[in-house]
Amino acid sequence: KFIYRDGLQATVQRDSIKHPEVDRSQWLPPT
């Protein structure tokens, strides 16, 4: 309410590292 102009959640999402989009067929096996 008082610190972030665009709101806390919007600021965090803007400043966070973007997660890559990977098709399931390209996923590596867990091991």
Full PDB file with SEQRES, HELIX, SHEET, SSBOND, CRYST1, ORIGX, SCALE, CONECT and MASTER records, all heavy atoms in Angstrom:
SEQRES   1 A   31  LYS PHE ILE TYR ARG ASP GLY LEU GLN ALA THR VAL GLN          
SEQRES   2 A   31  ARG ASP SER ILE LYS HIS PRO GLU VAL ASP ARG SER GLN          
SEQRES   3 A   31  TRP LEU PRO PRO THR                                          
HELIX    1 AA1 LEU A    8  ASP A   15  1                                   8    
HELIX    2 AA2 ARG A   24  GLN A   26  5                                   3    
CRYST1    1.000    1.000    1.000  90.00  90.00  90.00 P 1           1          
ORIGX1      1.000000  0.000000  0.000000        0.00000                         
ORIGX2      0.000000  1.000000  0.000000        0.00000                         
ORIGX3      0.000000  0.000000  1.000000        0.00000                         
SCALE1      1.000000  0.000000  0.000000        0.00000                         
SCALE2      0.000000  1.000000  0.000000        0.00000                         
SCALE3      0.000000  0.000000  1.000000        0.00000                         
ATOM      1  N   LYS A   1       0.804  -1.220   0.000  1.00  0.00           N  
ATOM      2  CA  LYS A   1       0.000   0.000   0.000  1.00  0.00           C  
ATOM      3  C   LYS A   1       0.838   1.271   0.000  1.00  0.00           C  
ATOM      4  O   LYS A   1       0.498   2.258  -0.667  1.00  0.00           O  
ATOM      5  CB  LYS A   1      -0.930  -0.013   1.212  1.00  0.00           C  
ATOM      6  CG  LYS A   1      -1.928   1.135   1.228  1.00  0.00           C  
ATOM      7  CD  LYS A   1      -2.925   0.970   2.359  1.00  0.00           C  
ATOM      8  CE  LYS A   1      -3.978   2.092   2.328  1.00  0.00           C  
ATOM      9  NZ  LYS A   1      -4.972   1.932   3.426  1.00  0.00           N  
ATOM     10  N   PHE A   2       1.957   1.264   0.745  1.00  0.00           N  
ATOM     11  CA  PHE A   2       2.666   2.517   0.983  1.00  0.00           C  
ATOM     12  C   PHE A   2       4.022   2.642   0.274  1.00  0.00           C  
ATOM     13  O   PHE A   2       4.550   3.747   0.170  1.00  0.00           O  
ATOM     14  CB  PHE A   2       2.876   2.706   2.491  1.00  0.00           C  
ATOM     15  CG  PHE A   2       1.612   2.809   3.276  1.00  0.00           C  
ATOM     16  CD1 PHE A   2       1.237   1.791   4.148  1.00  0.00           C  
ATOM     17  CD2 PHE A   2       0.773   3.901   3.137  1.00  0.00           C  
ATOM     18  CE1 PHE A   2       0.061   1.874   4.885  1.00  0.00           C  
ATOM     19  CE2 PHE A   2      -0.413   3.991   3.870  1.00  0.00           C  
ATOM     20  CZ  PHE A   2      -0.772   2.986   4.729  1.00  0.00           C  
ATOM     21  N   ILE A   3       4.604   1.519  -0.191  1.00  0.00           N  
ATOM     22  CA  ILE A   3       5.969   1.581  -0.720  1.00  0.00           C  
ATOM     23  C   ILE A   3       6.002   1.404  -2.231  1.00  0.00           C  
ATOM     24  O   ILE A   3       6.609   2.209  -2.948  1.00  0.00           O  
ATOM     25  CB  ILE A   3       6.863   0.528  -0.031  1.00  0.00           C  
ATOM     26  CG1 ILE A   3       6.967   0.835   1.473  1.00  0.00           C  
ATOM     27  CG2 ILE A   3       8.249   0.495  -0.667  1.00  0.00           C  
ATOM     28  CD1 ILE A   3       7.785  -0.172   2.252  1.00  0.00           C  
ATOM     29  N   TYR A   4       5.345   0.365  -2.740  1.00  0.00           N  
ATOM     30  CA  TYR A   4       5.454   0.029  -4.155  1.00  0.00           C  
ATOM     31  C   TYR A   4       4.328   0.684  -4.952  1.00  0.00           C  
ATOM     32  O   TYR A   4       3.138   0.441  -4.678  1.00  0.00           O  
ATOM     33  CB  TYR A   4       5.442  -1.488  -4.350  1.00  0.00           C  
ATOM     34  CG  TYR A   4       6.612  -2.170  -3.689  1.00  0.00           C  
ATOM     35  CD1 TYR A   4       6.475  -2.788  -2.442  1.00  0.00           C  
ATOM     36  CD2 TYR A   4       7.862  -2.178  -4.292  1.00  0.00           C  
ATOM     37  CE1 TYR A   4       7.554  -3.409  -1.828  1.00  0.00           C  
ATOM     38  CE2 TYR A   4       8.945  -2.793  -3.680  1.00  0.00           C  
ATOM     39  CZ  TYR A   4       8.786  -3.404  -2.456  1.00  0.00           C  
ATOM     40  OH  TYR A   4       9.854  -4.003  -1.847  1.00  0.00           O  
ATOM     41  N   ARG A   5       4.705   1.487  -5.943  1.00  0.00           N  
ATOM     42  CA  ARG A   5       3.725   2.232  -6.726  1.00  0.00           C  
ATOM     43  C   ARG A   5       2.774   1.306  -7.463  1.00  0.00           C  
ATOM     44  O   ARG A   5       1.570   1.547  -7.522  1.00  0.00           O  
ATOM     45  CB  ARG A   5       4.461   3.132  -7.724  1.00  0.00           C  
ATOM     46  CG  ARG A   5       3.535   3.972  -8.602  1.00  0.00           C  
ATOM     47  CD  ARG A   5       4.333   4.765  -9.621  1.00  0.00           C  
ATOM     48  NE  ARG A   5       5.332   5.602  -8.976  1.00  0.00           N  
ATOM     49  CZ  ARG A   5       6.263   6.290  -9.648  1.00  0.00           C  
ATOM     50  NH1 ARG A   5       6.315   6.198 -10.976  1.00  0.00           N  
ATOM     51  NH2 ARG A   5       7.136   7.040  -9.003  1.00  0.00           N  
ATOM     52  N   ASP A   6       3.311   0.246  -8.044  1.00  0.00           N  
ATOM     53  CA  ASP A   6       2.489  -0.688  -8.819  1.00  0.00           C  
ATOM     54  C   ASP A   6       2.007  -1.876  -8.003  1.00  0.00           C  
ATOM     55  O   ASP A   6       1.433  -2.823  -8.552  1.00  0.00           O  
ATOM     56  CB  ASP A   6       3.289  -1.206 -10.026  1.00  0.00           C  
ATOM     57  CG  ASP A   6       3.727  -0.074 -10.938  1.00  0.00           C  
ATOM     58  OD1 ASP A   6       2.954   0.880 -11.104  1.00  0.00           O  
ATOM     59  OD2 ASP A   6       4.860  -0.148 -11.472  1.00  0.00           O  
ATOM     60  N   GLY A   7       2.258  -1.848  -6.715  1.00  0.00           N  
ATOM     61  CA  GLY A   7       1.890  -2.978  -5.872  1.00  0.00           C  
ATOM     62  C   GLY A   7       3.048  -3.946  -5.710  1.00  0.00           C  
ATOM     63  O   GLY A   7       3.901  -4.067  -6.599  1.00  0.00           O  
ATOM     64  N   LEU A   8       3.088  -4.624  -4.565  1.00  0.00           N  
ATOM     65  CA  LEU A   8       4.198  -5.520  -4.255  1.00  0.00           C  
ATOM     66  C   LEU A   8       4.285  -6.683  -5.229  1.00  0.00           C  
ATOM     67  O   LEU A   8       5.358  -7.002  -5.755  1.00  0.00           O  
ATOM     68  CB  LEU A   8       4.052  -6.048  -2.818  1.00  0.00           C  
ATOM     69  CG  LEU A   8       5.097  -7.068  -2.352  1.00  0.00           C  
ATOM     70  CD1 LEU A   8       6.498  -6.486  -2.418  1.00  0.00           C  
ATOM     71  CD2 LEU A   8       4.784  -7.541  -0.928  1.00  0.00           C  
ATOM     72  N   GLN A   9       3.158  -7.356  -5.491  1.00  0.00           N  
ATOM     73  CA  GLN A   9       3.186  -8.544  -6.343  1.00  0.00           C  
ATOM     74  C   GLN A   9       3.626  -8.198  -7.761  1.00  0.00           C  
ATOM     75  O   GLN A   9       4.441  -8.901  -8.371  1.00  0.00           O  
ATOM     76  CB  GLN A   9       1.809  -9.210  -6.370  1.00  0.00           C  
ATOM     77  CG  GLN A   9       1.788 -10.532  -7.125  1.00  0.00           C  
ATOM     78  CD  GLN A   9       0.455 -11.249  -6.985  1.00  0.00           C  
ATOM     79  OE1 GLN A   9      -0.449 -10.757  -6.329  1.00  0.00           O  
ATOM     80  NE2 GLN A   9       0.333 -12.405  -7.601  1.00  0.00           N  
ATOM     81  N   ALA A  10       3.110  -7.090  -8.303  1.00  0.00           N  
ATOM     82  CA  ALA A  10       3.491  -6.691  -9.655  1.00  0.00           C  
ATOM     83  C   ALA A  10       4.976  -6.340  -9.728  1.00  0.00           C  
ATOM     84  O   ALA A  10       5.653  -6.660 -10.715  1.00  0.00           O  
ATOM     85  CB  ALA A  10       2.650  -5.495 -10.089  1.00  0.00           C  
ATOM     86  N   THR A  11       5.500  -5.707  -8.683  1.00  0.00           N  
ATOM     87  CA  THR A  11       6.919  -5.335  -8.657  1.00  0.00           C  
ATOM     88  C   THR A  11       7.807  -6.570  -8.590  1.00  0.00           C  
ATOM     89  O   THR A  11       8.824  -6.661  -9.289  1.00  0.00           O  
ATOM     90  CB  THR A  11       7.208  -4.413  -7.458  1.00  0.00           C  
ATOM     91  OG1 THR A  11       6.358  -3.271  -7.524  1.00  0.00           O  
ATOM     92  CG2 THR A  11       8.657  -3.967  -7.457  1.00  0.00           C  
ATOM     93  N   VAL A  12       7.423  -7.533  -7.762  1.00  0.00           N  
ATOM     94  CA  VAL A  12       8.198  -8.771  -7.638  1.00  0.00           C  
ATOM     95  C   VAL A  12       8.209  -9.522  -8.956  1.00  0.00           C  
ATOM     96  O   VAL A  12       9.250 -10.020  -9.411  1.00  0.00           O  
ATOM     97  CB  VAL A  12       7.637  -9.656  -6.501  1.00  0.00           C  
ATOM     98  CG1 VAL A  12       8.274 -11.034  -6.537  1.00  0.00           C  
ATOM     99  CG2 VAL A  12       7.874  -8.999  -5.154  1.00  0.00           C  
ATOM    100  N   GLN A  13       7.039  -9.635  -9.591  1.00  0.00           N  
ATOM    101  CA  GLN A  13       6.971 -10.337 -10.878  1.00  0.00           C  
ATOM    102  C   GLN A  13       7.808  -9.636 -11.939  1.00  0.00           C  
ATOM    103  O   GLN A  13       8.452 -10.281 -12.768  1.00  0.00           O  
ATOM    104  CB  GLN A  13       5.511 -10.430 -11.323  1.00  0.00           C  
ATOM    105  CG  GLN A  13       4.670 -11.383 -10.489  1.00  0.00           C  
ATOM    106  CD  GLN A  13       3.215 -11.401 -10.917  1.00  0.00           C  
ATOM    107  OE1 GLN A  13       2.774 -10.554 -11.694  1.00  0.00           O  
ATOM    108  NE2 GLN A  13       2.463 -12.368 -10.400  1.00  0.00           N  
ATOM    109  N   ARG A  14       7.829  -8.300 -11.919  1.00  0.00           N  
ATOM    110  CA  ARG A  14       8.599  -7.544 -12.900  1.00  0.00           C  
ATOM    111  C   ARG A  14      10.095  -7.742 -12.709  1.00  0.00           C  
ATOM    112  O   ARG A  14      10.854  -7.857 -13.675  1.00  0.00           O  
ATOM    113  CB  ARG A  14       8.238  -6.065 -12.789  1.00  0.00           C  
ATOM    114  CG  ARG A  14       8.909  -5.168 -13.837  1.00  0.00           C  
ATOM    115  CD  ARG A  14       8.647  -3.720 -13.526  1.00  0.00           C  
ATOM    116  NE  ARG A  14       9.295  -3.324 -12.286  1.00  0.00           N  
ATOM    117  CZ  ARG A  14       8.788  -2.494 -11.390  1.00  0.00           C  
ATOM    118  NH1 ARG A  14       7.578  -1.992 -11.566  1.00  0.00           N  
ATOM    119  NH2 ARG A  14       9.445  -2.176 -10.289  1.00  0.00           N  
ATOM    120  N   ASP A  15      10.533  -7.785 -11.454  1.00  0.00           N  
ATOM    121  CA  ASP A  15      11.965  -7.853 -11.164  1.00  0.00           C  
ATOM    122  C   ASP A  15      12.507  -9.271 -11.084  1.00  0.00           C  
ATOM    123  O   ASP A  15      13.714  -9.477 -11.012  1.00  0.00           O  
ATOM    124  CB  ASP A  15      12.270  -7.130  -9.835  1.00  0.00           C  
ATOM    125  CG  ASP A  15      11.957  -5.634  -9.911  1.00  0.00           C  
ATOM    126  OD1 ASP A  15      11.872  -5.121 -11.041  1.00  0.00           O  
ATOM    127  OD2 ASP A  15      11.797  -5.005  -8.848  1.00  0.00           O  
ATOM    128  N   SER A  16      11.626 -10.266 -11.067  1.00  0.00           N  
ATOM    129  CA  SER A  16      12.074 -11.654 -10.935  1.00  0.00           C  
ATOM    130  C   SER A  16      12.647 -12.169 -12.256  1.00  0.00           C  
ATOM    131  O   SER A  16      12.324 -11.672 -13.339  1.00  0.00           O  
ATOM    132  CB  SER A  16      10.916 -12.555 -10.507  1.00  0.00           C  
ATOM    133  OG  SER A  16      10.432 -12.188  -9.236  1.00  0.00           O  
ATOM    134  N   ILE A  17      13.489 -13.178 -12.148  1.00  0.00           N  
ATOM    135  CA  ILE A  17      14.025 -13.839 -13.345  1.00  0.00           C  
ATOM    136  C   ILE A  17      12.890 -14.549 -14.079  1.00  0.00           C  
ATOM    137  O   ILE A  17      12.061 -15.223 -13.452  1.00  0.00           O  
ATOM    138  CB  ILE A  17      15.125 -14.844 -12.950  1.00  0.00           C  
ATOM    139  CG1 ILE A  17      16.321 -14.106 -12.347  1.00  0.00           C  
ATOM    140  CG2 ILE A  17      15.557 -15.683 -14.136  1.00  0.00           C  
ATOM    141  CD1 ILE A  17      17.410 -15.020 -11.830  1.00  0.00           C  
ATOM    142  N   LYS A  18      12.847 -14.385 -15.390  1.00  0.00           N  
ATOM    143  CA  LYS A  18      11.795 -15.014 -16.176  1.00  0.00           C  
ATOM    144  C   LYS A  18      12.073 -16.511 -16.319  1.00  0.00           C  
ATOM    145  O   LYS A  18      13.187 -16.917 -16.644  1.00  0.00           O  
ATOM    146  CB  LYS A  18      11.716 -14.375 -17.555  1.00  0.00           C  
ATOM    147  CG  LYS A  18      11.452 -12.868 -17.537  1.00  0.00           C  
ATOM    148  CD  LYS A  18      10.185 -12.524 -16.783  1.00  0.00           C  
ATOM    149  CE  LYS A  18       9.953 -11.020 -16.750  1.00  0.00           C  
ATOM    150  NZ  LYS A  18       8.769 -10.649 -15.926  1.00  0.00           N  
ATOM    151  N   HIS A  19      11.053 -17.301 -16.041  1.00  0.00           N  
ATOM    152  CA  HIS A  19      11.196 -18.753 -16.142  1.00  0.00           C  
ATOM    153  C   HIS A  19      11.047 -19.200 -17.594  1.00  0.00           C  
ATOM    154  O   HIS A  19      10.137 -18.733 -18.299  1.00  0.00           O  
ATOM    155  CB  HIS A  19      10.165 -19.452 -15.268  1.00  0.00           C  
ATOM    156  CG  HIS A  19      10.318 -19.150 -13.810  1.00  0.00           C  
ATOM    157  ND1 HIS A  19      11.306 -19.718 -13.048  1.00  0.00           N  
ATOM    158  CD2 HIS A  19       9.617 -18.324 -12.987  1.00  0.00           C  
ATOM    159  CE1 HIS A  19      11.203 -19.262 -11.804  1.00  0.00           C  
ATOM    160  NE2 HIS A  19      10.194 -18.420 -11.747  1.00  0.00           N  
ATOM    161  N   PRO A  20      11.912 -20.099 -18.055  1.00  0.00           N  
ATOM    162  CA  PRO A  20      11.844 -20.540 -19.455  1.00  0.00           C  
ATOM    163  C   PRO A  20      10.629 -21.432 -19.701  1.00  0.00           C  
ATOM    164  O   PRO A  20      10.141 -22.116 -18.794  1.00  0.00           O  
ATOM    165  CB  PRO A  20      13.136 -21.330 -19.643  1.00  0.00           C  
ATOM    166  CG  PRO A  20      13.486 -21.812 -18.266  1.00  0.00           C  
ATOM    167  CD  PRO A  20      13.021 -20.736 -17.331  1.00  0.00           C  
ATOM    168  N   GLU A  21      10.153 -21.408 -20.939  1.00  0.00           N  
ATOM    169  CA  GLU A  21       9.054 -22.284 -21.337  1.00  0.00           C  
ATOM    170  C   GLU A  21       9.642 -23.461 -22.116  1.00  0.00           C  
ATOM    171  O   GLU A  21      10.245 -23.278 -23.177  1.00  0.00           O  
ATOM    172  CB  GLU A  21       8.050 -21.516 -22.199  1.00  0.00           C  
ATOM    173  CG  GLU A  21       6.830 -22.327 -22.571  1.00  0.00           C  
ATOM    174  CD  GLU A  21       5.799 -21.501 -23.329  1.00  0.00           C  
ATOM    175  OE1 GLU A  21       5.750 -20.276 -23.123  1.00  0.00           O  
ATOM    176  OE2 GLU A  21       5.048 -22.099 -24.138  1.00  0.00           O  
ATOM    177  N   VAL A  22       9.498 -24.667 -21.571  1.00  0.00           N  
ATOM    178  CA  VAL A  22      10.097 -25.862 -22.166  1.00  0.00           C  
ATOM    179  C   VAL A  22       8.987 -26.885 -22.429  1.00  0.00           C  
ATOM    180  O   VAL A  22       8.230 -27.228 -21.506  1.00  0.00           O  
ATOM    181  CB  VAL A  22      11.179 -26.474 -21.246  1.00  0.00           C  
ATOM    182  CG1 VAL A  22      11.847 -27.666 -21.929  1.00  0.00           C  
ATOM    183  CG2 VAL A  22      12.209 -25.432 -20.845  1.00  0.00           C  
ATOM    184  N   ASP A  23       8.909 -27.355 -23.650  1.00  0.00           N  
ATOM    185  CA  ASP A  23       7.913 -28.372 -23.978  1.00  0.00           C  
ATOM    186  C   ASP A  23       8.202 -29.662 -23.216  1.00  0.00           C  
ATOM    187  O   ASP A  23       9.357 -30.037 -23.018  1.00  0.00           O  
ATOM    188  CB  ASP A  23       7.924 -28.642 -25.484  1.00  0.00           C  
ATOM    189  CG  ASP A  23       6.788 -29.564 -25.892  1.00  0.00           C  
ATOM    190  OD1 ASP A  23       5.660 -29.063 -26.071  1.00  0.00           O  
ATOM    191  OD2 ASP A  23       7.036 -30.775 -26.036  1.00  0.00           O  
ATOM    192  N   ARG A  24       7.151 -30.339 -22.792  1.00  0.00           N  
ATOM    193  CA  ARG A  24       7.315 -31.546 -21.977  1.00  0.00           C  
ATOM    194  C   ARG A  24       8.154 -32.606 -22.679  1.00  0.00           C  
ATOM    195  O   ARG A  24       8.885 -33.364 -22.036  1.00  0.00           O  
ATOM    196  CB  ARG A  24       5.948 -32.108 -21.594  1.00  0.00           C  
ATOM    197  CG  ARG A  24       6.017 -33.300 -20.649  1.00  0.00           C  
ATOM    198  CD  ARG A  24       4.640 -33.819 -20.247  1.00  0.00           C  
ATOM    199  NE  ARG A  24       3.948 -32.887 -19.376  1.00  0.00           N  
ATOM    200  CZ  ARG A  24       2.788 -33.178 -18.749  1.00  0.00           C  
ATOM    201  NH1 ARG A  24       2.235 -34.386 -18.927  1.00  0.00           N  
ATOM    202  NH2 ARG A  24       2.201 -32.300 -17.977  1.00  0.00           N  
ATOM    203  N   SER A  25       8.092 -32.649 -23.979  1.00  0.00           N  
ATOM    204  CA  SER A  25       8.860 -33.651 -24.729  1.00  0.00           C  
ATOM    205  C   SER A  25      10.364 -33.407 -24.636  1.00  0.00           C  
ATOM    206  O   SER A  25      11.163 -34.307 -24.922  1.00  0.00           O  
ATOM    207  CB  SER A  25       8.432 -33.647 -26.207  1.00  0.00           C  
ATOM    208  OG  SER A  25       8.706 -32.381 -26.802  1.00  0.00           O  
ATOM    209  N   GLN A  26      10.769 -32.188 -24.237  1.00  0.00           N  
ATOM    210  CA  GLN A  26      12.184 -31.842 -24.141  1.00  0.00           C  
ATOM    211  C   GLN A  26      12.733 -31.935 -22.716  1.00  0.00           C  
ATOM    212  O   GLN A  26      13.908 -31.668 -22.493  1.00  0.00           O  
ATOM    213  CB  GLN A  26      12.405 -30.421 -24.677  1.00  0.00           C  
ATOM    214  CG  GLN A  26      12.040 -30.260 -26.145  1.00  0.00           C  
ATOM    215  CD  GLN A  26      12.194 -28.827 -26.624  1.00  0.00           C  
ATOM    216  OE1 GLN A  26      12.047 -27.873 -25.859  1.00  0.00           O  
ATOM    217  NE2 GLN A  26      12.509 -28.666 -27.908  1.00  0.00           N  
ATOM    218  N   TRP A  27      11.868 -32.313 -21.782  1.00  0.00           N  
ATOM    219  CA  TRP A  27      12.330 -32.411 -20.397  1.00  0.00           C  
ATOM    220  C   TRP A  27      13.369 -33.512 -20.259  1.00  0.00           C  
ATOM    221  O   TRP A  27      13.207 -34.620 -20.788  1.00  0.00           O  
ATOM    222  CB  TRP A  27      11.172 -32.733 -19.471  1.00  0.00           C  
ATOM    223  CG  TRP A  27      10.199 -31.599 -19.267  1.00  0.00           C  
ATOM    224  CD1 TRP A  27      10.256 -30.363 -19.836  1.00  0.00           C  
ATOM    225  CD2 TRP A  27       9.016 -31.628 -18.471  1.00  0.00           C  
ATOM    226  NE1 TRP A  27       9.190 -29.601 -19.438  1.00  0.00           N  
ATOM    227  CE2 TRP A  27       8.411 -30.353 -18.590  1.00  0.00           C  
ATOM    228  CE3 TRP A  27       8.411 -32.576 -17.670  1.00  0.00           C  
ATOM    229  CZ2 TRP A  27       7.227 -30.023 -17.928  1.00  0.00           C  
ATOM    230  CZ3 TRP A  27       7.239 -32.253 -17.014  1.00  0.00           C  
ATOM    231  CH2 TRP A  27       6.656 -30.994 -17.137  1.00  0.00           C  
ATOM    232  N   LEU A  28      14.431 -33.210 -19.511  1.00  0.00           N  
ATOM    233  CA  LEU A  28      15.420 -34.237 -19.189  1.00  0.00           C  
ATOM    234  C   LEU A  28      14.868 -35.166 -18.117  1.00  0.00           C  
ATOM    235  O   LEU A  28      14.071 -34.749 -17.263  1.00  0.00           O  
ATOM    236  CB  LEU A  28      16.710 -33.589 -18.684  1.00  0.00           C  
ATOM    237  CG  LEU A  28      17.545 -32.792 -19.689  1.00  0.00           C  
ATOM    238  CD1 LEU A  28      18.743 -32.161 -18.980  1.00  0.00           C  
ATOM    239  CD2 LEU A  28      18.014 -33.686 -20.832  1.00  0.00           C  
ATOM    240  N   PRO A  29      15.281 -36.439 -18.123  1.00  0.00           N  
ATOM    241  CA  PRO A  29      14.882 -37.342 -17.037  1.00  0.00           C  
ATOM    242  C   PRO A  29      15.372 -36.797 -15.690  1.00  0.00           C  
ATOM    243  O   PRO A  29      16.399 -36.116 -15.629  1.00  0.00           O  
ATOM    244  CB  PRO A  29      15.565 -38.663 -17.393  1.00  0.00           C  
ATOM    245  CG  PRO A  29      15.867 -38.567 -18.853  1.00  0.00           C  
ATOM    246  CD  PRO A  29      16.119 -37.115 -19.130  1.00  0.00           C  
ATOM    247  N   PRO A  30      14.665 -37.069 -14.600  1.00  0.00           N  
ATOM    248  CA  PRO A  30      15.061 -36.542 -13.294  1.00  0.00           C  
ATOM    249  C   PRO A  30      16.505 -36.858 -12.911  1.00  0.00           C  
ATOM    250  O   PRO A  30      17.213 -35.987 -12.382  1.00  0.00           O  
ATOM    251  CB  PRO A  30      14.074 -37.219 -12.334  1.00  0.00           C  
ATOM    252  CG  PRO A  30      12.860 -37.460 -13.161  1.00  0.00           C  
ATOM    253  CD  PRO A  30      13.380 -37.788 -14.528  1.00  0.00           C  
ATOM    254  N   THR A  31      16.972 -38.089 -13.156  1.00  0.00           N  
ATOM    255  CA  THR A  31      18.343 -38.420 -12.752  1.00  0.00           C  
ATOM    256  C   THR A  31      19.368 -37.610 -13.533  1.00  0.00           C  
ATOM    257  O   THR A  31      20.435 -37.271 -13.006  1.00  0.00           O  
ATOM    258  CB  THR A  31      18.617 -39.926 -12.953  1.00  0.00           C  
ATOM    259  OG1 THR A  31      18.313 -40.293 -14.312  1.00  0.00           O  
ATOM    260  CG2 THR A  31      17.791 -40.769 -11.997  1.00  0.00           C  
TER     261      THR A  31                                                      
MASTER        0    0    0    2    0    0    0    6  260    1    0    3          
END                                                                             
